[in-house]
N, C-alpha and C. Protein backbone atom coordinates (compact mmCIF):
# COMPACT_ATOMS: atom_id res chain seq x y z
N MET A 1 89.46 119.72 110.08
CA MET A 1 89.50 121.17 109.85
C MET A 1 90.95 121.58 109.56
N ILE A 2 91.11 122.30 108.49
CA ILE A 2 92.43 122.80 108.10
C ILE A 2 92.50 124.27 108.51
N THR A 3 93.56 124.63 109.22
CA THR A 3 93.72 126.03 109.65
C THR A 3 94.25 126.87 108.49
N GLN A 4 94.20 128.19 108.63
CA GLN A 4 94.76 129.09 107.62
C GLN A 4 96.26 128.84 107.47
N LYS A 5 96.92 128.60 108.60
CA LYS A 5 98.37 128.31 108.58
C LYS A 5 98.63 127.03 107.78
N ASP A 6 97.82 126.00 108.01
CA ASP A 6 97.95 124.74 107.26
C ASP A 6 97.72 124.99 105.77
N GLY A 7 96.70 125.80 105.47
CA GLY A 7 96.39 126.11 104.08
C GLY A 7 97.55 126.79 103.38
N LYS A 8 98.20 127.73 104.07
CA LYS A 8 99.37 128.42 103.49
C LYS A 8 100.51 127.43 103.26
N GLU A 9 100.68 126.52 104.20
CA GLU A 9 101.73 125.50 104.06
C GLU A 9 101.45 124.59 102.87
N LEU A 10 100.19 124.21 102.70
CA LEU A 10 99.81 123.36 101.56
C LEU A 10 99.99 124.10 100.24
N LEU A 11 99.68 125.41 100.22
CA LEU A 11 99.88 126.20 99.01
C LEU A 11 101.37 126.28 98.65
N LYS A 12 102.23 126.46 99.65
CA LYS A 12 103.67 126.49 99.41
C LYS A 12 104.14 125.15 98.85
N LEU A 13 103.60 124.06 99.42
CA LEU A 13 103.94 122.72 98.95
C LEU A 13 103.51 122.54 97.49
N THR A 14 102.36 123.06 97.15
CA THR A 14 101.85 122.96 95.78
C THR A 14 102.79 123.66 94.80
N ARG A 15 103.11 124.89 95.09
CA ARG A 15 103.99 125.67 94.20
C ARG A 15 105.38 125.02 94.12
N GLN A 16 105.92 124.59 95.26
CA GLN A 16 107.25 123.98 95.26
C GLN A 16 107.25 122.67 94.47
N THR A 17 106.18 121.91 94.55
CA THR A 17 106.07 120.65 93.81
C THR A 17 106.15 120.90 92.30
N VAL A 18 105.45 121.93 91.84
CA VAL A 18 105.48 122.26 90.41
C VAL A 18 106.86 122.80 90.01
N LYS A 19 107.45 123.64 90.86
CA LYS A 19 108.81 124.15 90.57
C LYS A 19 109.80 122.99 90.45
N ASP A 20 109.73 122.05 91.39
CA ASP A 20 110.63 120.89 91.39
C ASP A 20 110.43 120.05 90.13
N TYR A 21 109.19 119.96 89.68
CA TYR A 21 108.90 119.16 88.48
C TYR A 21 109.58 119.76 87.25
N PHE A 22 109.65 121.08 87.18
CA PHE A 22 110.34 121.71 86.06
C PHE A 22 111.84 121.36 86.07
N ILE A 23 112.40 121.15 87.24
CA ILE A 23 113.82 120.81 87.36
C ILE A 23 114.06 119.32 87.11
N ASN A 24 113.24 118.46 87.73
CA ASN A 24 113.48 117.01 87.70
C ASN A 24 112.68 116.25 86.65
N SER A 25 111.64 116.85 86.10
CA SER A 25 110.73 116.19 85.14
C SER A 25 110.08 114.94 85.72
N GLU A 26 109.98 114.88 87.04
CA GLU A 26 109.26 113.78 87.67
C GLU A 26 108.78 114.23 89.05
N LEU A 27 107.75 113.56 89.51
CA LEU A 27 107.20 113.87 90.82
C LEU A 27 107.92 113.05 91.87
N LYS A 28 108.52 113.75 92.82
CA LYS A 28 109.11 113.09 93.99
C LYS A 28 108.28 113.54 95.18
N ILE A 29 107.51 112.61 95.74
CA ILE A 29 106.61 112.94 96.84
C ILE A 29 107.42 113.29 98.09
N ARG A 30 107.20 114.50 98.58
CA ARG A 30 107.82 114.93 99.84
C ARG A 30 106.98 114.41 101.00
N LYS A 31 107.66 114.01 102.03
CA LYS A 31 106.93 113.62 103.25
C LYS A 31 106.44 114.88 103.93
N THR A 32 105.19 114.84 104.39
CA THR A 32 104.61 115.99 105.08
C THR A 32 103.93 115.52 106.36
N ARG A 33 103.48 116.46 107.13
CA ARG A 33 102.73 116.13 108.35
C ARG A 33 101.25 115.91 108.06
N PHE A 34 100.83 116.12 106.80
CA PHE A 34 99.41 115.98 106.42
C PHE A 34 99.14 114.54 106.02
N LYS A 35 98.88 113.69 107.01
CA LYS A 35 98.78 112.25 106.79
C LYS A 35 97.33 111.75 106.69
N GLU A 36 96.38 112.56 107.14
CA GLU A 36 94.98 112.14 107.07
C GLU A 36 94.52 112.09 105.62
N LYS A 37 93.81 111.03 105.28
CA LYS A 37 93.30 110.88 103.91
C LYS A 37 92.14 111.85 103.70
N GLN A 38 92.27 112.68 102.66
CA GLN A 38 91.22 113.64 102.33
C GLN A 38 91.19 113.85 100.83
N GLY A 39 89.99 114.15 100.32
CA GLY A 39 89.86 114.55 98.93
C GLY A 39 90.37 115.97 98.78
N VAL A 40 90.94 116.26 97.61
CA VAL A 40 91.49 117.59 97.38
C VAL A 40 91.52 117.88 95.88
N PHE A 41 91.35 119.14 95.53
CA PHE A 41 91.52 119.60 94.15
C PHE A 41 92.50 120.76 94.16
N VAL A 42 93.35 120.79 93.15
CA VAL A 42 94.25 121.92 92.93
C VAL A 42 93.77 122.63 91.67
N THR A 43 93.51 123.92 91.81
CA THR A 43 93.08 124.75 90.69
C THR A 43 94.18 125.75 90.39
N ILE A 44 94.45 125.94 89.10
CA ILE A 44 95.44 126.92 88.66
C ILE A 44 94.71 127.95 87.81
N GLN A 45 94.92 129.22 88.13
CA GLN A 45 94.36 130.30 87.34
C GLN A 45 95.49 131.24 86.94
N ASN A 46 95.30 131.89 85.77
CA ASN A 46 96.29 132.92 85.44
C ASN A 46 95.90 134.18 86.22
N ILE A 47 96.73 135.20 86.18
CA ILE A 47 96.48 136.38 87.02
C ILE A 47 95.24 137.16 86.60
N ASN A 48 94.69 136.85 85.42
CA ASN A 48 93.43 137.46 84.99
C ASN A 48 92.22 136.69 85.49
N GLY A 49 92.48 135.61 86.25
CA GLY A 49 91.39 134.82 86.81
C GLY A 49 90.87 133.73 85.90
N GLU A 50 91.53 133.52 84.76
CA GLU A 50 91.09 132.47 83.83
C GLU A 50 91.66 131.13 84.26
N LEU A 51 90.81 130.10 84.16
CA LEU A 51 91.22 128.75 84.54
C LEU A 51 92.39 128.29 83.67
N ARG A 52 93.36 127.64 84.30
CA ARG A 52 94.55 127.15 83.61
C ARG A 52 94.77 125.66 83.85
N GLY A 53 94.02 125.12 84.80
CA GLY A 53 94.09 123.69 85.12
C GLY A 53 93.38 123.42 86.43
N CYS A 54 92.74 122.26 86.52
CA CYS A 54 92.06 121.88 87.77
C CYS A 54 91.86 120.38 87.77
N ILE A 55 92.54 119.71 88.68
CA ILE A 55 92.43 118.26 88.81
C ILE A 55 92.57 117.91 90.29
N GLY A 56 91.93 116.83 90.67
CA GLY A 56 92.06 116.41 92.05
C GLY A 56 91.48 115.04 92.31
N TYR A 57 91.28 114.80 93.58
CA TYR A 57 90.77 113.53 94.09
C TYR A 57 89.51 113.80 94.91
N PRO A 58 88.34 113.41 94.40
CA PRO A 58 87.11 113.70 95.14
C PRO A 58 86.95 112.89 96.43
N TYR A 59 87.57 111.72 96.47
CA TYR A 59 87.40 110.85 97.63
C TYR A 59 88.70 110.79 98.44
N PRO A 60 88.60 110.54 99.74
CA PRO A 60 89.78 110.49 100.61
C PRO A 60 90.56 109.18 100.44
N THR A 61 91.31 109.07 99.34
CA THR A 61 92.05 107.85 99.04
C THR A 61 93.55 107.96 99.33
N LEU A 62 94.04 109.18 99.46
CA LEU A 62 95.47 109.40 99.71
C LEU A 62 95.65 110.35 100.90
N PRO A 63 96.81 110.25 101.58
CA PRO A 63 97.10 111.26 102.61
C PRO A 63 97.10 112.65 101.95
N LEU A 64 96.59 113.64 102.65
CA LEU A 64 96.41 114.97 102.08
C LEU A 64 97.70 115.53 101.47
N GLY A 65 98.83 115.40 102.15
CA GLY A 65 100.09 115.93 101.62
C GLY A 65 100.44 115.32 100.28
N GLU A 66 100.26 114.02 100.15
CA GLU A 66 100.56 113.35 98.88
C GLU A 66 99.52 113.72 97.82
N ALA A 67 98.26 113.75 98.20
CA ALA A 67 97.19 114.09 97.25
C ALA A 67 97.40 115.49 96.66
N VAL A 68 97.80 116.45 97.50
CA VAL A 68 98.05 117.81 97.03
C VAL A 68 99.17 117.82 95.99
N GLN A 69 100.24 117.09 96.27
CA GLN A 69 101.37 117.06 95.34
C GLN A 69 100.99 116.41 94.01
N ARG A 70 100.28 115.31 94.08
CA ARG A 70 99.87 114.62 92.85
C ARG A 70 98.88 115.47 92.05
N ALA A 71 97.94 116.11 92.75
CA ALA A 71 96.96 116.96 92.08
C ALA A 71 97.63 118.19 91.45
N ALA A 72 98.65 118.73 92.11
CA ALA A 72 99.36 119.90 91.58
C ALA A 72 100.00 119.57 90.24
N ILE A 73 100.68 118.42 90.17
CA ILE A 73 101.33 118.01 88.92
C ILE A 73 100.28 117.73 87.85
N SER A 74 99.21 117.05 88.22
CA SER A 74 98.16 116.74 87.25
C SER A 74 97.51 118.01 86.72
N ALA A 75 97.21 118.97 87.60
CA ALA A 75 96.58 120.22 87.16
C ALA A 75 97.51 121.02 86.27
N ALA A 76 98.80 121.00 86.56
CA ALA A 76 99.77 121.79 85.80
C ALA A 76 100.14 121.15 84.46
N PHE A 77 100.17 119.82 84.42
CA PHE A 77 100.74 119.17 83.23
C PHE A 77 99.84 118.13 82.56
N GLU A 78 98.72 117.77 83.20
CA GLU A 78 97.93 116.67 82.65
C GLU A 78 96.46 116.99 82.45
N ASP A 79 96.02 118.21 82.71
CA ASP A 79 94.63 118.57 82.47
C ASP A 79 94.41 118.58 80.95
N PRO A 80 93.59 117.68 80.42
CA PRO A 80 93.45 117.58 78.96
C PRO A 80 92.84 118.81 78.29
N ARG A 81 92.29 119.71 79.08
CA ARG A 81 91.67 120.92 78.52
C ARG A 81 92.69 122.00 78.18
N PHE A 82 93.92 121.86 78.69
CA PHE A 82 94.91 122.92 78.56
C PHE A 82 96.27 122.33 78.17
N PRO A 83 97.11 123.14 77.50
CA PRO A 83 98.49 122.70 77.29
C PRO A 83 99.22 122.68 78.64
N SER A 84 100.30 121.92 78.70
CA SER A 84 101.09 121.87 79.94
C SER A 84 101.58 123.26 80.31
N LEU A 85 101.63 123.48 81.60
CA LEU A 85 102.16 124.73 82.12
C LEU A 85 103.62 124.88 81.69
N THR A 86 104.03 126.09 81.41
CA THR A 86 105.44 126.34 81.08
C THR A 86 106.12 127.01 82.27
N LYS A 87 107.43 126.87 82.31
CA LYS A 87 108.20 127.48 83.40
C LYS A 87 108.00 128.99 83.43
N GLU A 88 107.85 129.60 82.25
CA GLU A 88 107.68 131.05 82.15
C GLU A 88 106.35 131.52 82.77
N GLU A 89 105.37 130.64 82.81
CA GLU A 89 104.06 130.99 83.37
C GLU A 89 104.03 130.96 84.89
N LEU A 90 104.99 130.31 85.49
CA LEU A 90 104.94 130.04 86.93
C LEU A 90 104.73 131.28 87.79
N ASP A 91 105.31 132.40 87.41
CA ASP A 91 105.13 133.63 88.18
C ASP A 91 103.84 134.36 87.82
N GLN A 92 103.11 133.83 86.83
CA GLN A 92 101.90 134.49 86.35
C GLN A 92 100.64 133.71 86.68
N ILE A 93 100.77 132.73 87.59
CA ILE A 93 99.61 131.92 87.95
C ILE A 93 99.36 131.95 89.45
N ILE A 94 98.15 131.57 89.81
CA ILE A 94 97.74 131.52 91.21
C ILE A 94 97.22 130.10 91.48
N PHE A 95 97.69 129.52 92.57
CA PHE A 95 97.22 128.20 92.98
C PHE A 95 96.10 128.35 94.00
N GLU A 96 95.13 127.46 93.89
CA GLU A 96 94.04 127.38 94.86
C GLU A 96 93.88 125.90 95.21
N ILE A 97 93.68 125.64 96.49
CA ILE A 97 93.49 124.27 96.96
C ILE A 97 92.11 124.18 97.61
N SER A 98 91.36 123.15 97.23
CA SER A 98 90.07 122.87 97.84
C SER A 98 90.18 121.52 98.55
N VAL A 99 90.12 121.54 99.89
CA VAL A 99 90.16 120.31 100.68
C VAL A 99 88.71 119.90 100.93
N LEU A 100 88.37 118.70 100.48
CA LEU A 100 86.96 118.28 100.44
C LEU A 100 86.55 117.41 101.62
N THR A 101 85.27 117.53 101.97
CA THR A 101 84.65 116.55 102.84
C THR A 101 84.33 115.33 101.98
N LYS A 102 84.05 114.21 102.60
CA LYS A 102 83.71 113.00 101.85
C LYS A 102 82.36 113.23 101.15
N PRO A 103 82.29 112.98 99.83
CA PRO A 103 81.01 113.15 99.13
C PRO A 103 79.93 112.21 99.69
N GLU A 104 78.73 112.77 99.85
CA GLU A 104 77.61 112.00 100.38
C GLU A 104 76.52 111.90 99.34
N LEU A 105 76.05 110.67 99.12
CA LEU A 105 74.95 110.44 98.19
C LEU A 105 73.68 111.08 98.75
N MET A 106 73.03 111.88 97.93
CA MET A 106 71.78 112.50 98.35
C MET A 106 70.63 111.56 98.01
N GLN A 107 69.88 111.16 99.02
CA GLN A 107 68.74 110.27 98.83
C GLN A 107 67.47 111.12 98.73
N VAL A 108 66.77 111.03 97.61
CA VAL A 108 65.54 111.79 97.43
C VAL A 108 64.46 110.90 96.85
N LYS A 109 63.22 111.23 97.16
CA LYS A 109 62.08 110.53 96.55
C LYS A 109 61.72 111.17 95.22
N ASN A 110 61.94 112.48 95.14
CA ASN A 110 61.63 113.25 93.94
C ASN A 110 62.82 114.15 93.64
N PRO A 111 63.33 114.14 92.39
CA PRO A 111 64.50 114.96 92.06
C PRO A 111 64.34 116.46 92.37
N LYS A 112 63.13 116.96 92.43
CA LYS A 112 62.91 118.38 92.76
C LYS A 112 63.41 118.70 94.17
N GLU A 113 63.54 117.66 95.02
CA GLU A 113 64.06 117.86 96.38
C GLU A 113 65.49 118.40 96.36
N TYR A 114 66.25 118.07 95.30
CA TYR A 114 67.62 118.58 95.22
C TYR A 114 67.65 120.11 95.29
N LEU A 115 66.63 120.73 94.72
CA LEU A 115 66.58 122.19 94.67
C LEU A 115 66.51 122.81 96.07
N ARG A 116 65.97 122.07 97.04
CA ARG A 116 65.89 122.56 98.42
C ARG A 116 67.09 122.14 99.26
N ARG A 117 67.78 121.08 98.85
CA ARG A 117 68.82 120.50 99.70
C ARG A 117 70.25 120.90 99.33
N ILE A 118 70.41 121.58 98.21
CA ILE A 118 71.74 122.02 97.79
C ILE A 118 71.89 123.50 98.12
N LYS A 119 73.00 123.86 98.72
CA LYS A 119 73.26 125.25 99.08
C LYS A 119 74.36 125.82 98.19
N ILE A 120 74.00 126.84 97.42
CA ILE A 120 74.97 127.49 96.55
C ILE A 120 76.04 128.17 97.41
N GLY A 121 77.29 127.98 97.01
CA GLY A 121 78.41 128.56 97.75
C GLY A 121 78.93 127.67 98.86
N GLU A 122 78.16 126.66 99.23
CA GLU A 122 78.59 125.72 100.27
C GLU A 122 78.84 124.33 99.72
N ASP A 123 77.96 123.87 98.84
CA ASP A 123 78.02 122.50 98.35
C ASP A 123 78.65 122.41 96.97
N GLY A 124 79.51 121.42 96.81
CA GLY A 124 79.98 121.00 95.50
C GLY A 124 79.16 119.79 95.10
N LEU A 125 79.17 119.45 93.83
CA LEU A 125 78.33 118.36 93.34
C LEU A 125 79.12 117.36 92.50
N ILE A 126 78.68 116.11 92.60
CA ILE A 126 79.11 115.06 91.70
C ILE A 126 77.85 114.44 91.14
N VAL A 127 77.78 114.29 89.82
CA VAL A 127 76.67 113.59 89.18
C VAL A 127 77.26 112.35 88.53
N GLU A 128 76.64 111.20 88.82
CA GLU A 128 77.06 109.94 88.20
C GLU A 128 75.85 109.29 87.55
N CYS A 129 76.07 108.74 86.38
CA CYS A 129 75.05 107.95 85.70
C CYS A 129 75.77 107.00 84.76
N GLY A 130 75.62 105.71 85.01
CA GLY A 130 76.35 104.73 84.22
C GLY A 130 77.84 104.94 84.41
N PHE A 131 78.57 105.04 83.29
CA PHE A 131 80.02 105.23 83.36
C PHE A 131 80.40 106.71 83.37
N ASN A 132 79.41 107.58 83.30
CA ASN A 132 79.67 109.02 83.27
C ASN A 132 79.68 109.61 84.67
N SER A 133 80.60 110.56 84.86
CA SER A 133 80.70 111.23 86.15
C SER A 133 81.25 112.64 85.93
N GLY A 134 80.70 113.60 86.64
CA GLY A 134 81.18 114.97 86.57
C GLY A 134 81.16 115.61 87.94
N LEU A 135 82.10 116.50 88.20
CA LEU A 135 82.23 117.16 89.50
C LEU A 135 82.42 118.65 89.28
N LEU A 136 81.73 119.44 90.10
CA LEU A 136 81.98 120.87 90.15
C LEU A 136 82.18 121.26 91.61
N LEU A 137 83.24 122.02 91.85
CA LEU A 137 83.55 122.51 93.20
C LEU A 137 82.53 123.55 93.64
N PRO A 138 82.36 123.75 94.94
CA PRO A 138 81.36 124.72 95.43
C PRO A 138 81.54 126.12 94.87
N GLN A 139 82.79 126.56 94.70
CA GLN A 139 83.04 127.93 94.26
C GLN A 139 82.63 128.16 92.79
N VAL A 140 82.45 127.09 92.02
CA VAL A 140 82.06 127.25 90.61
C VAL A 140 80.70 127.94 90.50
N ALA A 141 79.77 127.54 91.35
CA ALA A 141 78.42 128.12 91.29
C ALA A 141 78.43 129.62 91.57
N THR A 142 79.21 130.03 92.56
CA THR A 142 79.25 131.46 92.89
C THR A 142 80.06 132.25 91.88
N GLU A 143 81.16 131.66 91.40
CA GLU A 143 82.00 132.36 90.41
C GLU A 143 81.25 132.62 89.10
N HIS A 144 80.32 131.73 88.77
CA HIS A 144 79.57 131.85 87.52
C HIS A 144 78.11 132.27 87.74
N ASP A 145 77.81 132.67 88.98
CA ASP A 145 76.47 133.16 89.32
C ASP A 145 75.36 132.18 88.90
N LEU A 146 75.54 130.89 89.25
CA LEU A 146 74.58 129.86 88.89
C LEU A 146 73.56 129.68 90.00
N ASN A 147 72.31 129.46 89.62
CA ASN A 147 71.33 129.04 90.62
C ASN A 147 71.43 127.52 90.76
N ILE A 148 70.66 126.93 91.66
CA ILE A 148 70.80 125.50 91.96
C ILE A 148 70.52 124.65 90.73
N GLU A 149 69.46 124.96 90.00
CA GLU A 149 69.14 124.17 88.81
C GLU A 149 70.25 124.27 87.76
N GLU A 150 70.78 125.46 87.55
CA GLU A 150 71.88 125.64 86.59
C GLU A 150 73.14 124.89 87.06
N PHE A 151 73.37 124.89 88.36
CA PHE A 151 74.52 124.17 88.92
C PHE A 151 74.39 122.67 88.64
N LEU A 152 73.21 122.13 88.86
CA LEU A 152 72.96 120.72 88.55
C LEU A 152 73.14 120.45 87.06
N GLU A 153 72.62 121.34 86.21
CA GLU A 153 72.73 121.17 84.76
C GLU A 153 74.19 121.21 84.31
N HIS A 154 74.97 122.15 84.85
CA HIS A 154 76.37 122.26 84.47
C HIS A 154 77.17 121.04 84.94
N THR A 155 76.80 120.48 86.08
CA THR A 155 77.48 119.28 86.58
C THR A 155 77.16 118.10 85.67
N CYS A 156 75.91 118.01 85.22
CA CYS A 156 75.53 116.96 84.26
C CYS A 156 76.32 117.12 82.96
N TYR A 157 76.39 118.34 82.49
CA TYR A 157 77.14 118.63 81.26
C TYR A 157 78.60 118.22 81.41
N LYS A 158 79.19 118.53 82.56
CA LYS A 158 80.59 118.16 82.82
C LYS A 158 80.76 116.65 82.78
N ALA A 159 79.70 115.91 83.14
CA ALA A 159 79.74 114.45 83.12
C ALA A 159 79.49 113.89 81.72
N GLY A 160 79.22 114.78 80.75
CA GLY A 160 78.91 114.31 79.41
C GLY A 160 77.49 113.80 79.27
N LEU A 161 76.62 114.30 80.14
CA LEU A 161 75.21 113.89 80.17
C LEU A 161 74.32 115.04 79.72
N PRO A 162 73.09 114.73 79.33
CA PRO A 162 72.15 115.82 79.03
C PRO A 162 71.96 116.69 80.28
N PRO A 163 71.77 118.00 80.10
CA PRO A 163 71.68 118.91 81.25
C PRO A 163 70.57 118.56 82.25
N ASP A 164 69.51 117.94 81.78
CA ASP A 164 68.39 117.61 82.68
C ASP A 164 68.50 116.21 83.27
N MET A 165 69.65 115.56 83.12
CA MET A 165 69.82 114.20 83.62
C MET A 165 69.66 114.11 85.14
N TRP A 166 69.85 115.22 85.83
CA TRP A 166 69.69 115.21 87.29
C TRP A 166 68.25 114.87 87.69
N MET A 167 67.32 115.04 86.76
CA MET A 167 65.91 114.72 87.02
C MET A 167 65.62 113.22 86.84
N ASP A 168 66.54 112.49 86.25
CA ASP A 168 66.37 111.06 85.96
C ASP A 168 66.71 110.25 87.22
N GLU A 169 65.87 109.30 87.56
CA GLU A 169 66.10 108.50 88.77
C GLU A 169 67.36 107.64 88.69
N ARG A 170 67.90 107.42 87.50
CA ARG A 170 69.14 106.65 87.37
C ARG A 170 70.37 107.46 87.79
N ALA A 171 70.24 108.77 87.78
CA ALA A 171 71.38 109.63 88.15
C ALA A 171 71.56 109.62 89.67
N LYS A 172 72.83 109.57 90.07
CA LYS A 172 73.17 109.68 91.49
C LYS A 172 73.81 111.05 91.68
N ILE A 173 73.32 111.77 92.68
CA ILE A 173 73.85 113.10 92.98
C ILE A 173 74.50 113.04 94.37
N TYR A 174 75.75 113.45 94.41
CA TYR A 174 76.49 113.52 95.67
C TYR A 174 76.80 114.99 95.94
N LYS A 175 76.85 115.34 97.22
CA LYS A 175 77.29 116.69 97.57
C LYS A 175 78.42 116.61 98.58
N PHE A 176 79.23 117.65 98.59
CA PHE A 176 80.36 117.74 99.50
C PHE A 176 80.63 119.21 99.75
N GLN A 177 81.45 119.49 100.76
CA GLN A 177 81.86 120.86 101.06
C GLN A 177 83.38 120.93 100.90
N ALA A 178 83.89 122.15 100.85
CA ALA A 178 85.33 122.33 100.67
C ALA A 178 85.84 123.51 101.49
N GLU A 179 87.04 123.34 102.04
CA GLU A 179 87.77 124.45 102.63
C GLU A 179 88.72 124.92 101.53
N ILE A 180 88.65 126.20 101.22
CA ILE A 180 89.37 126.73 100.06
C ILE A 180 90.49 127.66 100.51
N PHE A 181 91.67 127.41 99.95
CA PHE A 181 92.85 128.23 100.25
C PHE A 181 93.42 128.71 98.92
N ARG A 182 93.73 129.99 98.86
CA ARG A 182 94.17 130.60 97.60
C ARG A 182 95.39 131.47 97.86
N GLU A 183 96.36 131.39 96.96
CA GLU A 183 97.52 132.25 97.07
C GLU A 183 97.10 133.71 96.94
N ASP A 184 97.78 134.55 97.67
CA ASP A 184 97.52 135.99 97.60
C ASP A 184 98.64 136.63 96.79
N LYS A 185 98.31 137.07 95.59
CA LYS A 185 99.33 137.66 94.70
C LYS A 185 99.30 139.19 94.77
N SER A 186 98.55 139.75 95.72
CA SER A 186 98.48 141.20 95.81
C SER A 186 99.70 141.80 96.51
N LYS A 187 100.52 140.95 97.11
CA LYS A 187 101.68 141.44 97.86
C LYS A 187 102.89 141.61 96.97
């Protein structure tokens, strides 16, 4: 469990990591007290709420402090959907951090069971089939007013799969939860 105080500290670390990258043009991992391995995503939005970058680690492979720093740089400079962040944009963006639980494979006899077992606003999804994989954070469903079936379809689409692939027994569906921390730019 990450406290609000921890979340604020991680958000400061995220912003400082990106600021430092503009100065040094390289990532220098700062040592932090966040040593437990956890999955994490860093999302960047402009002040109008439009996505500007989002990259992370779905599985707990790195200590949280390091994962946040690496994800911050990747979201700011390596998200293939967007041009690299510019120094001028730094005061016009908002960072959000999603600290994830370990994704759990959902075992079902019939794919229709997913519709009862996924909770909108609580669960994030990963769809895997063959070499394709797609992930959507829990907040995506609520931000875009998706129902469970649409959430599954959008996750399939993100994986480069047909939208109804979640109904195919070859598809693996994982769910996870996230603690979400967001900078407050209203001050």
